[in-house]
Amino acid sequence: MSQTLSPERVRADIAELLGCEPAEIAPEENLVDLGLDSMRIMVLVERWRAAGATTLEFPDLFELPELGHWQALLAGEAA
């Protein structure tokens, strides 16, 4: 989707909204269980669209709210 959306940036953006350190988020952890609600997910969608992920939609993230999946999705690796 976009070269600017590195896995590190995705992790850092999520950590910022959760109020934690990026290293605290495991790739397989459910981000909703960590406190990432639908409003925060929409903030990420808008942020990442502005960074070049123009086809990204809320359901893309909400269907599997795991860091590893989102990183793969934003790198164009997920189906």
PDB file of N, CA and C in Angstrom:
ATOM      1  N   MET A   1       0.812  -1.193   0.000  1.00  0.00           N
ATOM      2  CA  MET A   1       0.000   0.000   0.000  1.00  0.00           C
ATOM      3  C   MET A   1       0.857   1.260   0.000  1.00  0.00           C
ATOM      4  N   SER A   2       1.748   1.361   0.979  1.00  0.00           N
ATOM      5  CA  SER A   2       2.569   2.561   1.038  1.00  0.00           C
ATOM      6  C   SER A   2       3.907   2.256   1.689  1.00  0.00           C
ATOM      7  N   GLN A   3       4.958   2.773   1.093  1.00  0.00           N
ATOM      8  CA  GLN A   3       6.294   2.588   1.652  1.00  0.00           C
ATOM      9  C   GLN A   3       6.425   3.285   3.013  1.00  0.00           C
ATOM     10  N   THR A   4       5.648   4.329   3.266  1.00  0.00           N
ATOM     11  CA  THR A   4       5.769   5.071   4.510  1.00  0.00           C
ATOM     12  C   THR A   4       5.147   4.334   5.692  1.00  0.00           C
ATOM     13  N   LEU A   5       4.366   3.301   5.429  1.00  0.00           N
ATOM     14  CA  LEU A   5       3.720   2.560   6.508  1.00  0.00           C
ATOM     15  C   LEU A   5       4.523   1.307   6.847  1.00  0.00           C
ATOM     16  N   SER A   6       5.671   1.522   7.399  1.00  0.00           N
ATOM     17  CA  SER A   6       6.535   0.418   7.800  1.00  0.00           C
ATOM     18  C   SER A   6       5.898  -0.300   8.990  1.00  0.00           C
ATOM     19  N   PRO A   7       6.298  -1.535   9.233  1.00  0.00           N
ATOM     20  CA  PRO A   7       5.794  -2.238  10.416  1.00  0.00           C
ATOM     21  C   PRO A   7       6.063  -1.471  11.712  1.00  0.00           C
ATOM     22  N   GLU A   8       7.197  -0.795  11.767  1.00  0.00           N
ATOM     23  CA  GLU A   8       7.535  -0.007  12.955  1.00  0.00           C
ATOM     24  C   GLU A   8       6.582   1.166  13.132  1.00  0.00           C
ATOM     25  N   ARG A   9       6.229   1.811  12.031  1.00  0.00           N
ATOM     26  CA  ARG A   9       5.302   2.946  12.120  1.00  0.00           C
ATOM     27  C   ARG A   9       3.922   2.472  12.540  1.00  0.00           C
ATOM     28  N   VAL A  10       3.464   1.358  11.979  1.00  0.00           N
ATOM     29  CA  VAL A  10       2.153   0.818  12.339  1.00  0.00           C
ATOM     30  C   VAL A  10       2.124   0.528  13.838  1.00  0.00           C
ATOM     31  N   ARG A  11       3.159  -0.141  14.344  1.00  0.00           N
ATOM     32  CA  ARG A  11       3.232  -0.473  15.775  1.00  0.00           C
ATOM     33  C   ARG A  11       3.270   0.801  16.616  1.00  0.00           C
ATOM     34  N   ALA A  12       4.054   1.781  16.199  1.00  0.00           N
ATOM     35  CA  ALA A  12       4.177   3.028  16.962  1.00  0.00           C
ATOM     36  C   ALA A  12       2.859   3.804  16.988  1.00  0.00           C
ATOM     37  N   ASP A  13       2.154   3.840  15.869  1.00  0.00           N
ATOM     38  CA  ASP A  13       0.866   4.537  15.819  1.00  0.00           C
ATOM     39  C   ASP A  13      -0.154   3.888  16.752  1.00  0.00           C
ATOM     40  N   ILE A  14      -0.182   2.570  16.763  1.00  0.00           N
ATOM     41  CA  ILE A  14      -1.107   1.851  17.637  1.00  0.00           C
ATOM     42  C   ILE A  14      -0.732   2.088  19.095  1.00  0.00           C
ATOM     43  N   ALA A  15       0.546   1.977  19.405  1.00  0.00           N
ATOM     44  CA  ALA A  15       1.014   2.176  20.776  1.00  0.00           C
ATOM     45  C   ALA A  15       0.673   3.578  21.270  1.00  0.00           C
ATOM     46  N   GLU A  16       0.809   4.557  20.398  1.00  0.00           N
ATOM     47  CA  GLU A  16       0.479   5.940  20.777  1.00  0.00           C
ATOM     48  C   GLU A  16      -0.965   6.039  21.233  1.00  0.00           C
ATOM     49  N   LEU A  17      -1.881   5.428  20.497  1.00  0.00           N
ATOM     50  CA  LEU A  17      -3.296   5.503  20.851  1.00  0.00           C
ATOM     51  C   LEU A  17      -3.639   4.665  22.077  1.00  0.00           C
ATOM     52  N   LEU A  18      -2.858   3.627  22.328  1.00  0.00           N
ATOM     53  CA  LEU A  18      -3.085   2.799  23.510  1.00  0.00           C
ATOM     54  C   LEU A  18      -2.371   3.336  24.747  1.00  0.00           C
ATOM     55  N   GLY A  19      -1.454   4.284  24.542  1.00  0.00           N
ATOM     56  CA  GLY A  19      -0.713   4.853  25.660  1.00  0.00           C
ATOM     57  C   GLY A  19       0.295   3.887  26.251  1.00  0.00           C
ATOM     58  N   CYS A  20       0.964   3.131  25.377  1.00  0.00           N
ATOM     59  CA  CYS A  20       1.964   2.179  25.844  1.00  0.00           C
ATOM     60  C   CYS A  20       3.192   2.252  24.941  1.00  0.00           C
ATOM     61  N   GLU A  21       4.204   1.500  25.295  1.00  0.00           N
ATOM     62  CA  GLU A  21       5.407   1.422  24.472  1.00  0.00           C
ATOM     63  C   GLU A  21       5.163   0.445  23.320  1.00  0.00           C
ATOM     64  N   PRO A  22       5.681   0.733  22.144  1.00  0.00           N
ATOM     65  CA  PRO A  22       5.485  -0.167  21.003  1.00  0.00           C
ATOM     66  C   PRO A  22       5.897  -1.612  21.288  1.00  0.00           C
ATOM     67  N   ALA A  23       6.968  -1.805  22.023  1.00  0.00           N
ATOM     68  CA  ALA A  23       7.458  -3.161  22.303  1.00  0.00           C
ATOM     69  C   ALA A  23       6.496  -3.968  23.174  1.00  0.00           C
ATOM     70  N   GLU A  24       5.554  -3.304  23.813  1.00  0.00           N
ATOM     71  CA  GLU A  24       4.595  -3.989  24.685  1.00  0.00           C
ATOM     72  C   GLU A  24       3.495  -4.703  23.902  1.00  0.00           C
ATOM     73  N   ILE A  25       3.412  -4.459  22.600  1.00  0.00           N
ATOM     74  CA  ILE A  25       2.338  -5.038  21.794  1.00  0.00           C
ATOM     75  C   ILE A  25       2.872  -6.245  21.031  1.00  0.00           C
ATOM     76  N   ALA A  26       2.381  -7.415  21.379  1.00  0.00           N
ATOM     77  CA  ALA A  26       2.785  -8.649  20.692  1.00  0.00           C
ATOM     78  C   ALA A  26       2.034  -8.758  19.367  1.00  0.00           C
ATOM     79  N   PRO A  27       2.661  -9.322  18.336  1.00  0.00           N
ATOM     80  CA  PRO A  27       2.029  -9.410  17.014  1.00  0.00           C
ATOM     81  C   PRO A  27       0.688 -10.126  17.005  1.00  0.00           C
ATOM     82  N   GLU A  28       0.489 -11.109  17.888  1.00  0.00           N
ATOM     83  CA  GLU A  28      -0.737 -11.894  17.866  1.00  0.00           C
ATOM     84  C   GLU A  28      -1.789 -11.427  18.877  1.00  0.00           C
ATOM     85  N   GLU A  29      -1.493 -10.383  19.645  1.00  0.00           N
ATOM     86  CA  GLU A  29      -2.441  -9.894  20.634  1.00  0.00           C
ATOM     87  C   GLU A  29      -3.632  -9.220  19.982  1.00  0.00           C
ATOM     88  N   ASN A  30      -4.806  -9.421  20.566  1.00  0.00           N
ATOM     89  CA  ASN A  30      -6.013  -8.776  20.078  1.00  0.00           C
ATOM     90  C   ASN A  30      -5.985  -7.317  20.546  1.00  0.00           C
ATOM     91  N   LEU A  31      -5.928  -6.405  19.592  1.00  0.00           N
ATOM     92  CA  LEU A  31      -5.788  -4.983  19.915  1.00  0.00           C
ATOM     93  C   LEU A  31      -7.043  -4.406  20.559  1.00  0.00           C
ATOM     94  N   VAL A  32      -8.200  -4.975  20.246  1.00  0.00           N
ATOM     95  CA  VAL A  32      -9.439  -4.535  20.889  1.00  0.00           C
ATOM     96  C   VAL A  32      -9.390  -4.905  22.373  1.00  0.00           C
ATOM     97  N   ASP A  33      -8.890  -6.097  22.678  1.00  0.00           N
ATOM     98  CA  ASP A  33      -8.748  -6.510  24.071  1.00  0.00           C
ATOM     99  C   ASP A  33      -7.774  -5.608  24.826  1.00  0.00           C
ATOM    100  N   LEU A  34      -6.818  -5.022  24.121  1.00  0.00           N
ATOM    101  CA  LEU A  34      -5.862  -4.107  24.748  1.00  0.00           C
ATOM    102  C   LEU A  34      -6.442  -2.710  24.960  1.00  0.00           C
ATOM    103  N   GLY A  35      -7.632  -2.449  24.390  1.00  0.00           N
ATOM    104  CA  GLY A  35      -8.286  -1.158  24.594  1.00  0.00           C
ATOM    105  C   GLY A  35      -8.463  -0.316  23.349  1.00  0.00           C
ATOM    106  N   LEU A  36      -8.134  -0.860  22.193  1.00  0.00           N
ATOM    107  CA  LEU A  36      -8.286  -0.104  20.948  1.00  0.00           C
ATOM    108  C   LEU A  36      -9.741  -0.202  20.499  1.00  0.00           C
ATOM    109  N   ASP A  37     -10.512   0.834  20.732  1.00  0.00           N
ATOM    110  CA  ASP A  37     -11.929   0.816  20.387  1.00  0.00           C
ATOM    111  C   ASP A  37     -12.150   1.272  18.945  1.00  0.00           C
ATOM    112  N   SER A  38     -13.395   1.230  18.513  1.00  0.00           N
ATOM    113  CA  SER A  38     -13.712   1.539  17.118  1.00  0.00           C
ATOM    114  C   SER A  38     -13.349   2.976  16.740  1.00  0.00           C
ATOM    115  N   MET A  39     -13.478   3.903  17.657  1.00  0.00           N
ATOM    116  CA  MET A  39     -13.121   5.292  17.353  1.00  0.00           C
ATOM    117  C   MET A  39     -11.622   5.414  17.105  1.00  0.00           C
ATOM    118  N   ARG A  40     -10.831   4.743  17.898  1.00  0.00           N
ATOM    119  CA  ARG A  40      -9.375   4.786  17.706  1.00  0.00           C
ATOM    120  C   ARG A  40      -8.972   4.073  16.417  1.00  0.00           C
ATOM    121  N   ILE A  41      -9.669   3.001  16.086  1.00  0.00           N
ATOM    122  CA  ILE A  41      -9.376   2.321  14.825  1.00  0.00           C
ATOM    123  C   ILE A  41      -9.670   3.253  13.658  1.00  0.00           C
ATOM    124  N   MET A  42     -10.742   4.019  13.743  1.00  0.00           N
ATOM    125  CA  MET A  42     -11.050   4.988  12.674  1.00  0.00           C
ATOM    126  C   MET A  42      -9.979   6.071  12.589  1.00  0.00           C
ATOM    127  N   VAL A  43      -9.437   6.480  13.727  1.00  0.00           N
ATOM    128  CA  VAL A  43      -8.329   7.446  13.727  1.00  0.00           C
ATOM    129  C   VAL A  43      -7.156   6.861  12.951  1.00  0.00           C
ATOM    130  N   LEU A  44      -6.852   5.586  13.194  1.00  0.00           N
ATOM    131  CA  LEU A  44      -5.751   4.933  12.478  1.00  0.00           C
ATOM    132  C   LEU A  44      -6.049   4.821  10.992  1.00  0.00           C
ATOM    133  N   VAL A  45      -7.280   4.458  10.643  1.00  0.00           N
ATOM    134  CA  VAL A  45      -7.652   4.362   9.225  1.00  0.00           C
ATOM    135  C   VAL A  45      -7.405   5.698   8.532  1.00  0.00           C
ATOM    136  N   GLU A  46      -7.862   6.773   9.126  1.00  0.00           N
ATOM    137  CA  GLU A  46      -7.685   8.097   8.519  1.00  0.00           C
ATOM    138  C   GLU A  46      -6.213   8.494   8.452  1.00  0.00           C
ATOM    139  N   ARG A  47      -5.472   8.210   9.504  1.00  0.00           N
ATOM    140  CA  ARG A  47      -4.041   8.525   9.537  1.00  0.00           C
ATOM    141  C   ARG A  47      -3.305   7.771   8.433  1.00  0.00           C
ATOM    142  N   TRP A  48      -3.619   6.478   8.308  1.00  0.00           N
ATOM    143  CA  TRP A  48      -2.913   5.642   7.338  1.00  0.00           C
ATOM    144  C   TRP A  48      -3.370   5.914   5.912  1.00  0.00           C
ATOM    145  N   ARG A  49      -4.617   6.332   5.747  1.00  0.00           N
ATOM    146  CA  ARG A  49      -5.063   6.762   4.407  1.00  0.00           C
ATOM    147  C   ARG A  49      -4.274   8.000   3.977  1.00  0.00           C
ATOM    148  N   ALA A  50      -4.097   8.926   4.892  1.00  0.00           N
ATOM    149  CA  ALA A  50      -3.346  10.143   4.593  1.00  0.00           C
ATOM    150  C   ALA A  50      -1.893   9.829   4.254  1.00  0.00           C
ATOM    151  N   ALA A  51      -1.401   8.705   4.765  1.00  0.00           N
ATOM    152  CA  ALA A  51      -0.016   8.301   4.501  1.00  0.00           C
ATOM    153  C   ALA A  51       0.105   7.431   3.254  1.00  0.00           C
ATOM    154  N   GLY A  52      -1.024   7.188   2.575  1.00  0.00           N
ATOM    155  CA  GLY A  52      -0.949   6.461   1.318  1.00  0.00           C
ATOM    156  C   GLY A  52      -1.747   5.176   1.210  1.00  0.00           C
ATOM    157  N   ALA A  53      -2.330   4.721   2.302  1.00  0.00           N
ATOM    158  CA  ALA A  53      -3.124   3.484   2.276  1.00  0.00           C
ATOM    159  C   ALA A  53      -4.549   3.821   1.845  1.00  0.00           C
ATOM    160  N   THR A  54      -4.688   4.272   0.614  1.00  0.00           N
ATOM    161  CA  THR A  54      -5.953   4.836   0.144  1.00  0.00           C
ATOM    162  C   THR A  54      -7.101   3.843   0.041  1.00  0.00           C
ATOM    163  N   THR A  55      -6.809   2.549  -0.056  1.00  0.00           N
ATOM    164  CA  THR A  55      -7.885   1.563  -0.166  1.00  0.00           C
ATOM    165  C   THR A  55      -8.243   0.947   1.188  1.00  0.00           C
ATOM    166  N   LEU A  56      -7.605   1.378   2.253  1.00  0.00           N
ATOM    167  CA  LEU A  56      -7.850   0.829   3.583  1.00  0.00           C
ATOM    168  C   LEU A  56      -9.243   1.204   4.067  1.00  0.00           C
ATOM    169  N   GLU A  57      -9.950   0.226   4.629  1.00  0.00           N
ATOM    170  CA  GLU A  57     -11.291   0.447   5.177  1.00  0.00           C
ATOM    171  C   GLU A  57     -11.339  -0.095   6.604  1.00  0.00           C
ATOM    172  N   PHE A  58     -12.244   0.440   7.396  1.00  0.00           N
ATOM    173  CA  PHE A  58     -12.419   0.018   8.786  1.00  0.00           C
ATOM    174  C   PHE A  58     -12.571  -1.501   8.928  1.00  0.00           C
ATOM    175  N   PRO A  59     -13.439  -2.166   8.127  1.00  0.00           N
ATOM    176  CA  PRO A  59     -13.592  -3.621   8.277  1.00  0.00           C
ATOM    177  C   PRO A  59     -12.302  -4.397   8.040  1.00  0.00           C
ATOM    178  N   ASP A  60     -11.402  -3.864   7.224  1.00  0.00           N
ATOM    179  CA  ASP A  60     -10.115  -4.522   6.981  1.00  0.00           C
ATOM    180  C   ASP A  60      -9.363  -4.717   8.293  1.00  0.00           C
ATOM    181  N   LEU A  61      -9.466  -3.740   9.170  1.00  0.00           N
ATOM    182  CA  LEU A  61      -8.755  -3.795  10.440  1.00  0.00           C
ATOM    183  C   LEU A  61      -9.571  -4.502  11.513  1.00  0.00           C
ATOM    184  N   PHE A  62     -10.873  -4.247  11.545  1.00  0.00           N
ATOM    185  CA  PHE A  62     -11.691  -4.780  12.629  1.00  0.00           C
ATOM    186  C   PHE A  62     -11.910  -6.288  12.529  1.00  0.00           C
ATOM    187  N   GLU A  63     -11.861  -6.840  11.317  1.00  0.00           N
ATOM    188  CA  GLU A  63     -12.118  -8.279  11.175  1.00  0.00           C
ATOM    189  C   GLU A  63     -11.063  -9.131  11.874  1.00  0.00           C
ATOM    190  N   LEU A  64      -9.827  -8.673  11.927  1.00  0.00           N
ATOM    191  CA  LEU A  64      -8.762  -9.386  12.635  1.00  0.00           C
ATOM    192  C   LEU A  64      -7.846  -8.342  13.275  1.00  0.00           C
ATOM    193  N   PRO A  65      -8.214  -7.895  14.485  1.00  0.00           N
ATOM    194  CA  PRO A  65      -7.473  -6.799  15.121  1.00  0.00           C
ATOM    195  C   PRO A  65      -6.194  -7.249  15.813  1.00  0.00           C
ATOM    196  N   GLU A  66      -5.245  -7.718  15.023  1.00  0.00           N
ATOM    197  CA  GLU A  66      -3.947  -8.132  15.550  1.00  0.00           C
ATOM    198  C   GLU A  66      -2.850  -7.344  14.845  1.00  0.00           C
ATOM    199  N   LEU A  67      -1.856  -6.944  15.601  1.00  0.00           N
ATOM    200  CA  LEU A  67      -0.757  -6.153  15.060  1.00  0.00           C
ATOM    201  C   LEU A  67      -0.133  -6.810  13.834  1.00  0.00           C
ATOM    202  N   GLY A  68       0.197  -8.081  13.932  1.00  0.00           N
ATOM    203  CA  GLY A  68       0.843  -8.778  12.817  1.00  0.00           C
ATOM    204  C   GLY A  68       0.005  -8.765  11.553  1.00  0.00           C
ATOM    205  N   HIS A  69      -1.298  -8.948  11.691  1.00  0.00           N
ATOM    206  CA  HIS A  69      -2.194  -8.918  10.532  1.00  0.00           C
ATOM    207  C   HIS A  69      -2.223  -7.525   9.921  1.00  0.00           C
ATOM    208  N   TRP A  70      -2.334  -6.512  10.769  1.00  0.00           N
ATOM    209  CA  TRP A  70      -2.389  -5.138  10.260  1.00  0.00           C
ATOM    210  C   TRP A  70      -1.098  -4.763   9.555  1.00  0.00           C
ATOM    211  N   GLN A  71       0.024  -5.173  10.118  1.00  0.00           N
ATOM    212  CA  GLN A  71       1.307  -4.875   9.476  1.00  0.00           C
ATOM    213  C   GLN A  71       1.378  -5.544   8.098  1.00  0.00           C
ATOM    214  N   ALA A  72       0.941  -6.787   8.008  1.00  0.00           N
ATOM    215  CA  ALA A  72       0.939  -7.496   6.729  1.00  0.00           C
ATOM    216  C   ALA A  72      -0.029  -6.851   5.743  1.00  0.00           C
ATOM    217  N   LEU A  73      -1.201  -6.479   6.231  1.00  0.00           N
ATOM    218  CA  LEU A  73      -2.214  -5.837   5.390  1.00  0.00           C
ATOM    219  C   LEU A  73      -1.674  -4.530   4.803  1.00  0.00           C
ATOM    220  N   LEU A  74      -1.058  -3.724   5.622  1.00  0.00           N
ATOM    221  CA  LEU A  74      -0.554  -2.440   5.177  1.00  0.00           C
ATOM    222  C   LEU A  74       0.690  -2.570   4.303  1.00  0.00           C
ATOM    223  N   ALA A  75       1.347  -3.700   4.401  1.00  0.00           N
ATOM    224  CA  ALA A  75       2.496  -3.963   3.535  1.00  0.00           C
ATOM    225  C   ALA A  75       2.049  -4.634   2.243  1.00  0.00           C
ATOM    226  N   GLY A  76       0.740  -4.915   2.114  1.00  0.00           N
ATOM    227  CA  GLY A  76       0.212  -5.534   0.904  1.00  0.00           C
ATOM    228  C   GLY A  76       0.398  -7.030   0.852  1.00  0.00           C
ATOM    229  N   GLU A  77       0.652  -7.663   2.011  1.00  0.00           N
ATOM    230  CA  GLU A  77       0.928  -9.080   2.053  1.00  0.00           C
ATOM    231  C   GLU A  77      -0.310  -9.914   2.390  1.00  0.00           C
ATOM    232  N   ALA A  78      -1.297  -9.326   3.035  1.00  0.00           N
ATOM    233  CA  ALA A  78      -2.469 -10.081   3.443  1.00  0.00           C
ATOM    234  C   ALA A  78      -3.492 -10.129   2.310  1.00  0.00           C
ATOM    235  N   ALA A  79      -4.265 -11.168   2.305  1.00  0.00           N
ATOM    236  CA  ALA A  79      -5.298 -11.311   1.272  1.00  0.00           C
ATOM    237  C   ALA A  79      -6.492 -10.451   1.598  1.00  0.00           C
TER     238      ALA A  79
END
